[in-house]
mmCIF file of all heavy atoms, coordinates in Angstrom:
data_MODEL
# 
_entry.id   MODEL 
# 
loop_
_atom_site.group_PDB 
_atom_site.id 
_atom_site.type_symbol 
_atom_site.label_atom_id 
_atom_site.label_alt_id 
_atom_site.label_comp_id 
_atom_site.label_asym_id 
_atom_site.label_entity_id 
_atom_site.label_seq_id 
_atom_site.pdbx_PDB_ins_code 
_atom_site.Cartn_x 
_atom_site.Cartn_y 
_atom_site.Cartn_z 
_atom_site.occupancy 
_atom_site.B_iso_or_equiv 
_atom_site.pdbx_formal_charge 
_atom_site.auth_seq_id 
_atom_site.auth_comp_id 
_atom_site.auth_asym_id 
_atom_site.auth_atom_id 
_atom_site.pdbx_PDB_model_num 
ATOM 1   N N   . GLN A 1 1  ? 9.806   10.566 7.189  1.00 0.00 ? 1  GLN A N   1 
ATOM 2   C CA  . GLN A 1 1  ? 10.895  9.696  6.580  1.00 0.00 ? 1  GLN A CA  1 
ATOM 3   C C   . GLN A 1 1  ? 10.592  8.223  7.035  1.00 0.00 ? 1  GLN A C   1 
ATOM 4   O O   . GLN A 1 1  ? 10.888  7.439  6.457  1.00 0.00 ? 1  GLN A O   1 
ATOM 5   C CB  . GLN A 1 1  ? 12.179  10.143 7.173  1.00 0.00 ? 1  GLN A CB  1 
ATOM 6   C CG  . GLN A 1 1  ? 12.614  11.421 6.527  1.00 0.00 ? 1  GLN A CG  1 
ATOM 7   C CD  . GLN A 1 1  ? 11.964  12.602 6.983  1.00 0.00 ? 1  GLN A CD  1 
ATOM 8   O OE1 . GLN A 1 1  ? 11.349  12.621 8.110  1.00 0.00 ? 1  GLN A OE1 1 
ATOM 9   N NE2 . GLN A 1 1  ? 11.801  13.726 6.318  1.00 0.00 ? 1  GLN A NE2 1 
ATOM 10  N N   . GLU A 1 2  ? 10.115  8.058  8.398  1.00 0.00 ? 2  GLU A N   1 
ATOM 11  C CA  . GLU A 1 2  ? 9.845   6.780  8.868  1.00 0.00 ? 2  GLU A CA  1 
ATOM 12  C C   . GLU A 1 2  ? 8.701   6.014  8.146  1.00 0.00 ? 2  GLU A C   1 
ATOM 13  O O   . GLU A 1 2  ? 8.785   4.784  8.117  1.00 0.00 ? 2  GLU A O   1 
ATOM 14  C CB  . GLU A 1 2  ? 9.612   6.793  10.306 1.00 0.00 ? 2  GLU A CB  1 
ATOM 15  C CG  . GLU A 1 2  ? 10.839  7.291  11.194 1.00 0.00 ? 2  GLU A CG  1 
ATOM 16  C CD  . GLU A 1 2  ? 10.497  7.446  12.586 1.00 0.00 ? 2  GLU A CD  1 
ATOM 17  O OE1 . GLU A 1 2  ? 9.262   7.692  12.960 1.00 0.00 ? 2  GLU A OE1 1 
ATOM 18  O OE2 . GLU A 1 2  ? 11.383  7.417  13.550 1.00 0.00 ? 2  GLU A OE2 1 
ATOM 19  N N   . VAL A 1 3  ? 7.816   6.679  7.593  1.00 0.00 ? 3  VAL A N   1 
ATOM 20  C CA  . VAL A 1 3  ? 6.668   5.911  7.025  1.00 0.00 ? 3  VAL A CA  1 
ATOM 21  C C   . VAL A 1 3  ? 6.801   5.837  5.435  1.00 0.00 ? 3  VAL A C   1 
ATOM 22  O O   . VAL A 1 3  ? 5.892   5.272  4.817  1.00 0.00 ? 3  VAL A O   1 
ATOM 23  C CB  . VAL A 1 3  ? 5.365   6.657  7.345  1.00 0.00 ? 3  VAL A CB  1 
ATOM 24  C CG1 . VAL A 1 3  ? 5.122   6.649  8.853  1.00 0.00 ? 3  VAL A CG1 1 
ATOM 25  C CG2 . VAL A 1 3  ? 5.283   8.088  6.859  1.00 0.00 ? 3  VAL A CG2 1 
ATOM 26  N N   . GLN A 1 4  ? 7.841   6.403  4.997  1.00 0.00 ? 4  GLN A N   1 
ATOM 27  C CA  . GLN A 1 4  ? 8.035   6.176  3.485  1.00 0.00 ? 4  GLN A CA  1 
ATOM 28  C C   . GLN A 1 4  ? 8.165   4.725  3.097  1.00 0.00 ? 4  GLN A C   1 
ATOM 29  O O   . GLN A 1 4  ? 8.913   4.065  3.700  1.00 0.00 ? 4  GLN A O   1 
ATOM 30  C CB  . GLN A 1 4  ? 9.244   6.979  3.041  1.00 0.00 ? 4  GLN A CB  1 
ATOM 31  C CG  . GLN A 1 4  ? 9.127   8.589  3.052  1.00 0.00 ? 4  GLN A CG  1 
ATOM 32  C CD  . GLN A 1 4  ? 7.963   9.025  2.178  1.00 0.00 ? 4  GLN A CD  1 
ATOM 33  O OE1 . GLN A 1 4  ? 7.753   8.424  0.971  1.00 0.00 ? 4  GLN A OE1 1 
ATOM 34  N NE2 . GLN A 1 4  ? 7.378   10.083 2.489  1.00 0.00 ? 4  GLN A NE2 1 
ATOM 35  N N   . ASN A 1 5  ? 7.400   4.430  2.053  1.00 0.00 ? 5  ASN A N   1 
ATOM 36  C CA  . ASN A 1 5  ? 7.229   3.061  1.622  1.00 0.00 ? 5  ASN A CA  1 
ATOM 37  C C   . ASN A 1 5  ? 6.734   2.032  2.546  1.00 0.00 ? 5  ASN A C   1 
ATOM 38  O O   . ASN A 1 5  ? 6.819   0.810  2.512  1.00 0.00 ? 5  ASN A O   1 
ATOM 39  C CB  . ASN A 1 5  ? 8.596   2.545  1.097  1.00 0.00 ? 5  ASN A CB  1 
ATOM 40  C CG  . ASN A 1 5  ? 9.227   3.403  0.071  1.00 0.00 ? 5  ASN A CG  1 
ATOM 41  O OD1 . ASN A 1 5  ? 8.562   3.849  -0.906 1.00 0.00 ? 5  ASN A OD1 1 
ATOM 42  N ND2 . ASN A 1 5  ? 10.576  3.661  0.115  1.00 0.00 ? 5  ASN A ND2 1 
ATOM 43  N N   . GLN A 1 6  ? 5.995   2.594  3.633  1.00 0.00 ? 6  GLN A N   1 
ATOM 44  C CA  . GLN A 1 6  ? 5.315   1.746  4.574  1.00 0.00 ? 6  GLN A CA  1 
ATOM 45  C C   . GLN A 1 6  ? 3.852   1.658  4.216  1.00 0.00 ? 6  GLN A C   1 
ATOM 46  O O   . GLN A 1 6  ? 3.464   2.511  3.648  1.00 0.00 ? 6  GLN A O   1 
ATOM 47  C CB  . GLN A 1 6  ? 5.574   2.182  6.127  1.00 0.00 ? 6  GLN A CB  1 
ATOM 48  C CG  . GLN A 1 6  ? 7.027   2.283  6.545  1.00 0.00 ? 6  GLN A CG  1 
ATOM 49  C CD  . GLN A 1 6  ? 7.605   0.835  6.523  1.00 0.00 ? 6  GLN A CD  1 
ATOM 50  O OE1 . GLN A 1 6  ? 6.878   -0.188 6.917  1.00 0.00 ? 6  GLN A OE1 1 
ATOM 51  N NE2 . GLN A 1 6  ? 8.932   0.732  6.374  1.00 0.00 ? 6  GLN A NE2 1 
ATOM 52  N N   . THR A 1 7  ? 3.171   0.740  4.844  1.00 0.00 ? 7  THR A N   1 
ATOM 53  C CA  . THR A 1 7  ? 1.761   0.554  4.478  1.00 0.00 ? 7  THR A CA  1 
ATOM 54  C C   . THR A 1 7  ? 0.915   1.435  5.558  1.00 0.00 ? 7  THR A C   1 
ATOM 55  O O   . THR A 1 7  ? 1.435   1.720  6.617  1.00 0.00 ? 7  THR A O   1 
ATOM 56  C CB  . THR A 1 7  ? 1.206   -0.916 4.600  1.00 0.00 ? 7  THR A CB  1 
ATOM 57  O OG1 . THR A 1 7  ? 1.447   -1.418 5.883  1.00 0.00 ? 7  THR A OG1 1 
ATOM 58  C CG2 . THR A 1 7  ? 2.045   -1.746 3.574  1.00 0.00 ? 7  THR A CG2 1 
ATOM 59  N N   . LEU A 1 8  ? -0.296  1.743  5.029  1.00 0.00 ? 8  LEU A N   1 
ATOM 60  C CA  . LEU A 1 8  ? -1.187  2.512  5.912  1.00 0.00 ? 8  LEU A CA  1 
ATOM 61  C C   . LEU A 1 8  ? -1.528  1.796  7.193  1.00 0.00 ? 8  LEU A C   1 
ATOM 62  O O   . LEU A 1 8  ? -1.621  2.300  8.320  1.00 0.00 ? 8  LEU A O   1 
ATOM 63  C CB  . LEU A 1 8  ? -2.385  2.801  5.334  1.00 0.00 ? 8  LEU A CB  1 
ATOM 64  C CG  . LEU A 1 8  ? -3.403  3.645  5.831  1.00 0.00 ? 8  LEU A CG  1 
ATOM 65  C CD1 . LEU A 1 8  ? -2.899  5.104  6.190  1.00 0.00 ? 8  LEU A CD1 1 
ATOM 66  C CD2 . LEU A 1 8  ? -4.773  3.680  5.124  1.00 0.00 ? 8  LEU A CD2 1 
ATOM 67  N N   . ALA A 1 9  ? -1.637  0.392  7.190  1.00 0.00 ? 9  ALA A N   1 
ATOM 68  C CA  . ALA A 1 9  ? -1.942  -0.310 8.323  1.00 0.00 ? 9  ALA A CA  1 
ATOM 69  C C   . ALA A 1 9  ? -0.889  -0.380 9.327  1.00 0.00 ? 9  ALA A C   1 
ATOM 70  O O   . ALA A 1 9  ? -1.144  -0.363 10.627 1.00 0.00 ? 9  ALA A O   1 
ATOM 71  C CB  . ALA A 1 9  ? -2.346  -1.846 7.858  1.00 0.00 ? 9  ALA A CB  1 
ATOM 72  N N   . MET A 1 10 ? 0.321   -0.366 8.872  1.00 0.00 ? 10 MET A N   1 
ATOM 73  C CA  . MET A 1 10 ? 1.485   -0.300 9.829  1.00 0.00 ? 10 MET A CA  1 
ATOM 74  C C   . MET A 1 10 ? 1.433   0.955  10.568 1.00 0.00 ? 10 MET A C   1 
ATOM 75  O O   . MET A 1 10 ? 1.685   1.029  11.762 1.00 0.00 ? 10 MET A O   1 
ATOM 76  C CB  . MET A 1 10 ? 2.837   -0.533 9.089  1.00 0.00 ? 10 MET A CB  1 
ATOM 77  C CG  . MET A 1 10 ? 4.072   -0.757 9.988  1.00 0.00 ? 10 MET A CG  1 
ATOM 78  S SD  . MET A 1 10 ? 4.588   0.859  10.580 1.00 0.00 ? 10 MET A SD  1 
ATOM 79  C CE  . MET A 1 10 ? 5.158   1.787  9.150  1.00 0.00 ? 10 MET A CE  1 
ATOM 80  N N   . ALA A 1 11 ? 1.245   2.113  9.972  1.00 0.00 ? 11 ALA A N   1 
ATOM 81  C CA  . ALA A 1 11 ? 1.323   3.372  10.574 1.00 0.00 ? 11 ALA A CA  1 
ATOM 82  C C   . ALA A 1 11 ? 0.069   3.720  11.388 1.00 0.00 ? 11 ALA A C   1 
ATOM 83  O O   . ALA A 1 11 ? 0.141   4.576  12.426 1.00 0.00 ? 11 ALA A O   1 
ATOM 84  C CB  . ALA A 1 11 ? 1.627   4.472  9.582  1.00 0.00 ? 11 ALA A CB  1 
ATOM 85  N N   . THR A 1 12 ? -1.086  3.386  10.885 1.00 0.00 ? 12 THR A N   1 
ATOM 86  C CA  . THR A 1 12 ? -2.259  3.772  11.642 1.00 0.00 ? 12 THR A CA  1 
ATOM 87  C C   . THR A 1 12 ? -3.195  2.709  12.135 1.00 0.00 ? 12 THR A C   1 
ATOM 88  O O   . THR A 1 12 ? -4.124  2.997  12.921 1.00 0.00 ? 12 THR A O   1 
ATOM 89  C CB  . THR A 1 12 ? -3.126  4.569  10.589 1.00 0.00 ? 12 THR A CB  1 
ATOM 90  O OG1 . THR A 1 12 ? -3.600  3.722  9.533  1.00 0.00 ? 12 THR A OG1 1 
ATOM 91  C CG2 . THR A 1 12 ? -2.344  5.766  9.903  1.00 0.00 ? 12 THR A CG2 1 
ATOM 92  N N   . GLY A 1 13 ? -2.962  1.569  11.811 1.00 0.00 ? 13 GLY A N   1 
ATOM 93  C CA  . GLY A 1 13 ? -3.817  0.405  12.257 1.00 0.00 ? 13 GLY A CA  1 
ATOM 94  C C   . GLY A 1 13 ? -5.098  0.354  11.374 1.00 0.00 ? 13 GLY A C   1 
ATOM 95  O O   . GLY A 1 13 ? -5.901  -0.557 11.703 1.00 0.00 ? 13 GLY A O   1 
ATOM 96  N N   . PHE A 1 14 ? -5.236  1.156  10.304 1.00 0.00 ? 14 PHE A N   1 
ATOM 97  C CA  . PHE A 1 14 ? -6.363  1.033  9.447  1.00 0.00 ? 14 PHE A CA  1 
ATOM 98  C C   . PHE A 1 14 ? -5.855  0.260  8.277  1.00 0.00 ? 14 PHE A C   1 
ATOM 99  O O   . PHE A 1 14 ? -5.030  0.719  7.483  1.00 0.00 ? 14 PHE A O   1 
ATOM 100 C CB  . PHE A 1 14 ? -6.811  2.390  9.092  1.00 0.00 ? 14 PHE A CB  1 
ATOM 101 C CG  . PHE A 1 14 ? -8.117  2.462  8.179  1.00 0.00 ? 14 PHE A CG  1 
ATOM 102 C CD1 . PHE A 1 14 ? -9.309  2.124  8.752  1.00 0.00 ? 14 PHE A CD1 1 
ATOM 103 C CD2 . PHE A 1 14 ? -8.002  2.816  6.801  1.00 0.00 ? 14 PHE A CD2 1 
ATOM 104 C CE1 . PHE A 1 14 ? -10.530 2.127  7.970  1.00 0.00 ? 14 PHE A CE1 1 
ATOM 105 C CE2 . PHE A 1 14 ? -9.134  2.700  6.158  1.00 0.00 ? 14 PHE A CE2 1 
ATOM 106 C CZ  . PHE A 1 14 ? -10.412 2.455  6.679  1.00 0.00 ? 14 PHE A CZ  1 
ATOM 107 N N   . SER A 1 15 ? -6.463  -0.856 7.969  1.00 0.00 ? 15 SER A N   1 
ATOM 108 C CA  . SER A 1 15 ? -5.917  -1.776 6.985  1.00 0.00 ? 15 SER A CA  1 
ATOM 109 C C   . SER A 1 15 ? -6.339  -1.350 5.540  1.00 0.00 ? 15 SER A C   1 
ATOM 110 O O   . SER A 1 15 ? -7.258  -0.725 5.448  1.00 0.00 ? 15 SER A O   1 
ATOM 111 C CB  . SER A 1 15 ? -6.334  -3.185 7.182  1.00 0.00 ? 15 SER A CB  1 
ATOM 112 O OG  . SER A 1 15 ? -7.788  -3.322 7.168  1.00 0.00 ? 15 SER A OG  1 
ATOM 113 N N   . VAL A 1 16 ? -5.550  -1.860 4.598  1.00 0.00 ? 16 VAL A N   1 
ATOM 114 C CA  . VAL A 1 16 ? -5.878  -1.625 3.199  1.00 0.00 ? 16 VAL A CA  1 
ATOM 115 C C   . VAL A 1 16 ? -7.280  -2.306 2.807  1.00 0.00 ? 16 VAL A C   1 
ATOM 116 O O   . VAL A 1 16 ? -7.979  -1.810 2.027  1.00 0.00 ? 16 VAL A O   1 
ATOM 117 C CB  . VAL A 1 16 ? -4.723  -2.099 2.241  1.00 0.00 ? 16 VAL A CB  1 
ATOM 118 C CG1 . VAL A 1 16 ? -5.098  -1.904 0.760  1.00 0.00 ? 16 VAL A CG1 1 
ATOM 119 C CG2 . VAL A 1 16 ? -3.438  -1.251 2.601  1.00 0.00 ? 16 VAL A CG2 1 
ATOM 120 N N   . GLU A 1 17 ? -7.549  -3.540 3.460  1.00 0.00 ? 17 GLU A N   1 
ATOM 121 C CA  . GLU A 1 17 ? -8.700  -4.267 3.186  1.00 0.00 ? 17 GLU A CA  1 
ATOM 122 C C   . GLU A 1 17 ? -9.898  -3.421 3.643  1.00 0.00 ? 17 GLU A C   1 
ATOM 123 O O   . GLU A 1 17 ? -10.963 -3.302 2.946  1.00 0.00 ? 17 GLU A O   1 
ATOM 124 C CB  . GLU A 1 17 ? -8.697  -5.580 3.812  1.00 0.00 ? 17 GLU A CB  1 
ATOM 125 C CG  . GLU A 1 17 ? -7.748  -6.556 3.270  1.00 0.00 ? 17 GLU A CG  1 
ATOM 126 C CD  . GLU A 1 17 ? -6.261  -6.241 3.653  1.00 0.00 ? 17 GLU A CD  1 
ATOM 127 O OE1 . GLU A 1 17 ? -6.022  -5.368 4.594  1.00 0.00 ? 17 GLU A OE1 1 
ATOM 128 O OE2 . GLU A 1 17 ? -5.276  -6.770 3.037  1.00 0.00 ? 17 GLU A OE2 1 
ATOM 129 N N   . SER A 1 18 ? -9.732  -2.677 4.775  1.00 0.00 ? 18 SER A N   1 
ATOM 130 C CA  . SER A 1 18 ? -10.914 -1.870 5.130  1.00 0.00 ? 18 SER A CA  1 
ATOM 131 C C   . SER A 1 18 ? -11.102 -0.759 4.153  1.00 0.00 ? 18 SER A C   1 
ATOM 132 O O   . SER A 1 18 ? -12.287 -0.396 3.866  1.00 0.00 ? 18 SER A O   1 
ATOM 133 C CB  . SER A 1 18 ? -10.506 -1.291 6.617  1.00 0.00 ? 18 SER A CB  1 
ATOM 134 O OG  . SER A 1 18 ? -10.412 -2.363 7.444  1.00 0.00 ? 18 SER A OG  1 
ATOM 135 N N   . ALA A 1 19 ? -9.995  -0.144 3.656  1.00 0.00 ? 19 ALA A N   1 
ATOM 136 C CA  . ALA A 1 19 ? -10.169 0.913  2.755  1.00 0.00 ? 19 ALA A CA  1 
ATOM 137 C C   . ALA A 1 19 ? -10.780 0.499  1.533  1.00 0.00 ? 19 ALA A C   1 
ATOM 138 O O   . ALA A 1 19 ? -11.639 1.092  0.857  1.00 0.00 ? 19 ALA A O   1 
ATOM 139 C CB  . ALA A 1 19 ? -8.817  1.570  2.427  1.00 0.00 ? 19 ALA A CB  1 
ATOM 140 N N   . ALA A 1 20 ? -10.339 -0.747 1.088  1.00 0.00 ? 20 ALA A N   1 
ATOM 141 C CA  . ALA A 1 20 ? -10.871 -1.224 -0.259 1.00 0.00 ? 20 ALA A CA  1 
ATOM 142 C C   . ALA A 1 20 ? -12.333 -1.533 0.001  1.00 0.00 ? 20 ALA A C   1 
ATOM 143 O O   . ALA A 1 20 ? -13.128 -1.310 -0.910 1.00 0.00 ? 20 ALA A O   1 
ATOM 144 C CB  . ALA A 1 20 ? -10.064 -2.516 -0.594 1.00 0.00 ? 20 ALA A CB  1 
ATOM 145 N N   . TYR A 1 21 ? -12.857 -2.113 1.139  1.00 0.00 ? 21 TYR A N   1 
ATOM 146 C CA  . TYR A 1 21 ? -14.148 -2.352 1.400  1.00 0.00 ? 21 TYR A CA  1 
ATOM 147 C C   . TYR A 1 21 ? -14.950 -1.203 1.410  1.00 0.00 ? 21 TYR A C   1 
ATOM 148 O O   . TYR A 1 21 ? -15.940 -0.923 0.938  1.00 0.00 ? 21 TYR A O   1 
ATOM 149 C CB  . TYR A 1 21 ? -14.299 -3.206 2.732  1.00 0.00 ? 21 TYR A CB  1 
ATOM 150 C CG  . TYR A 1 21 ? -15.708 -3.379 3.058  1.00 0.00 ? 21 TYR A CG  1 
ATOM 151 C CD1 . TYR A 1 21 ? -16.519 -4.336 2.493  1.00 0.00 ? 21 TYR A CD1 1 
ATOM 152 C CD2 . TYR A 1 21 ? -16.312 -2.641 4.059  1.00 0.00 ? 21 TYR A CD2 1 
ATOM 153 C CE1 . TYR A 1 21 ? -17.820 -4.478 2.834  1.00 0.00 ? 21 TYR A CE1 1 
ATOM 154 C CE2 . TYR A 1 21 ? -17.654 -2.795 4.609  1.00 0.00 ? 21 TYR A CE2 1 
ATOM 155 C CZ  . TYR A 1 21 ? -18.386 -3.783 3.865  1.00 0.00 ? 21 TYR A CZ  1 
ATOM 156 O OH  . TYR A 1 21 ? -19.668 -3.819 4.153  1.00 0.00 ? 21 TYR A OH  1 
ATOM 157 N N   . GLY A 1 22 ? -14.261 -0.116 2.090  1.00 0.00 ? 22 GLY A N   1 
ATOM 158 C CA  . GLY A 1 22 ? -15.126 1.185  2.253  1.00 0.00 ? 22 GLY A CA  1 
ATOM 159 C C   . GLY A 1 22 ? -15.220 1.945  1.067  1.00 0.00 ? 22 GLY A C   1 
ATOM 160 O O   . GLY A 1 22 ? -16.242 2.583  0.850  1.00 0.00 ? 22 GLY A O   1 
ATOM 161 N N   . LEU A 1 23 ? -14.301 1.720  0.138  1.00 0.00 ? 23 LEU A N   1 
ATOM 162 C CA  . LEU A 1 23 ? -14.287 2.466  -1.169 1.00 0.00 ? 23 LEU A CA  1 
ATOM 163 C C   . LEU A 1 23 ? -14.738 1.613  -2.337 1.00 0.00 ? 23 LEU A C   1 
ATOM 164 O O   . LEU A 1 23 ? -14.432 1.777  -3.542 1.00 0.00 ? 23 LEU A O   1 
ATOM 165 C CB  . LEU A 1 23 ? -12.842 3.127  -1.410 1.00 0.00 ? 23 LEU A CB  1 
ATOM 166 C CG  . LEU A 1 23 ? -12.451 4.186  -0.380 1.00 0.00 ? 23 LEU A CG  1 
ATOM 167 C CD1 . LEU A 1 23 ? -11.047 4.562  -0.645 1.00 0.00 ? 23 LEU A CD1 1 
ATOM 168 C CD2 . LEU A 1 23 ? -13.443 5.393  -0.597 1.00 0.00 ? 23 LEU A CD2 1 
ATOM 169 N N   . SER A 1 24 ? -15.389 0.548  -2.041 1.00 0.00 ? 24 SER A N   1 
ATOM 170 C CA  . SER A 1 24 ? -15.814 -0.379 -3.148 1.00 0.00 ? 24 SER A CA  1 
ATOM 171 C C   . SER A 1 24 ? -17.198 0.014  -3.565 1.00 0.00 ? 24 SER A C   1 
ATOM 172 O O   . SER A 1 24 ? -17.920 0.545  -2.778 1.00 0.00 ? 24 SER A O   1 
ATOM 173 C CB  . SER A 1 24 ? -15.644 -1.861 -2.650 1.00 0.00 ? 24 SER A CB  1 
ATOM 174 O OG  . SER A 1 24 ? -16.604 -2.064 -1.604 1.00 0.00 ? 24 SER A OG  1 
ATOM 175 N N   . GLY A 1 25 ? -17.536 -0.493 -4.730 1.00 0.00 ? 25 GLY A N   1 
ATOM 176 C CA  . GLY A 1 25 ? -18.924 -0.165 -5.312 1.00 0.00 ? 25 GLY A CA  1 
ATOM 177 C C   . GLY A 1 25 ? -19.180 1.297  -5.501 1.00 0.00 ? 25 GLY A C   1 
ATOM 178 O O   . GLY A 1 25 ? -18.355 2.057  -5.794 1.00 0.00 ? 25 GLY A O   1 
ATOM 179 N N   . PRO A 1 26 ? -20.557 1.651  -5.376 1.00 0.00 ? 26 PRO A N   1 
ATOM 180 C CA  . PRO A 1 26 ? -20.987 3.150  -5.598 1.00 0.00 ? 26 PRO A CA  1 
ATOM 181 C C   . PRO A 1 26 ? -20.342 3.980  -4.678 1.00 0.00 ? 26 PRO A C   1 
ATOM 182 O O   . PRO A 1 26 ? -20.385 5.153  -5.069 1.00 0.00 ? 26 PRO A O   1 
ATOM 183 C CB  . PRO A 1 26 ? -22.506 2.918  -5.582 1.00 0.00 ? 26 PRO A CB  1 
ATOM 184 C CG  . PRO A 1 26 ? -22.804 1.779  -4.580 1.00 0.00 ? 26 PRO A CG  1 
ATOM 185 C CD  . PRO A 1 26 ? -21.658 0.680  -4.946 1.00 0.00 ? 26 PRO A CD  1 
ATOM 186 N N   . VAL A 1 27 ? -19.919 3.541  -3.509 1.00 0.00 ? 27 VAL A N   1 
ATOM 187 C CA  . VAL A 1 27 ? -19.387 4.468  -2.535 1.00 0.00 ? 27 VAL A CA  1 
ATOM 188 C C   . VAL A 1 27 ? -18.111 5.102  -3.060 1.00 0.00 ? 27 VAL A C   1 
ATOM 189 O O   . VAL A 1 27 ? -17.726 6.235  -2.706 1.00 0.00 ? 27 VAL A O   1 
ATOM 190 C CB  . VAL A 1 27 ? -19.172 3.792  -1.176 1.00 0.00 ? 27 VAL A CB  1 
ATOM 191 C CG1 . VAL A 1 27 ? -18.717 4.782  -0.049 1.00 0.00 ? 27 VAL A CG1 1 
ATOM 192 C CG2 . VAL A 1 27 ? -20.428 3.115  -0.682 1.00 0.00 ? 27 VAL A CG2 1 
ATOM 193 N N   . ALA A 1 28 ? -17.386 4.329  -3.884 1.00 0.00 ? 28 ALA A N   1 
ATOM 194 C CA  . ALA A 1 28 ? -16.016 4.927  -4.339 1.00 0.00 ? 28 ALA A CA  1 
ATOM 195 C C   . ALA A 1 28 ? -16.185 6.165  -5.096 1.00 0.00 ? 28 ALA A C   1 
ATOM 196 O O   . ALA A 1 28 ? -15.401 7.044  -5.055 1.00 0.00 ? 28 ALA A O   1 
ATOM 197 C CB  . ALA A 1 28 ? -15.378 3.857  -5.244 1.00 0.00 ? 28 ALA A CB  1 
# 
């Protein structure tokens, strides 16, 4: 309930930018 509508970076410290970078290009 506490993380609903919260971002991944807030809950885990892993930012969306890192995910986008990691899942960009042929790796996706």
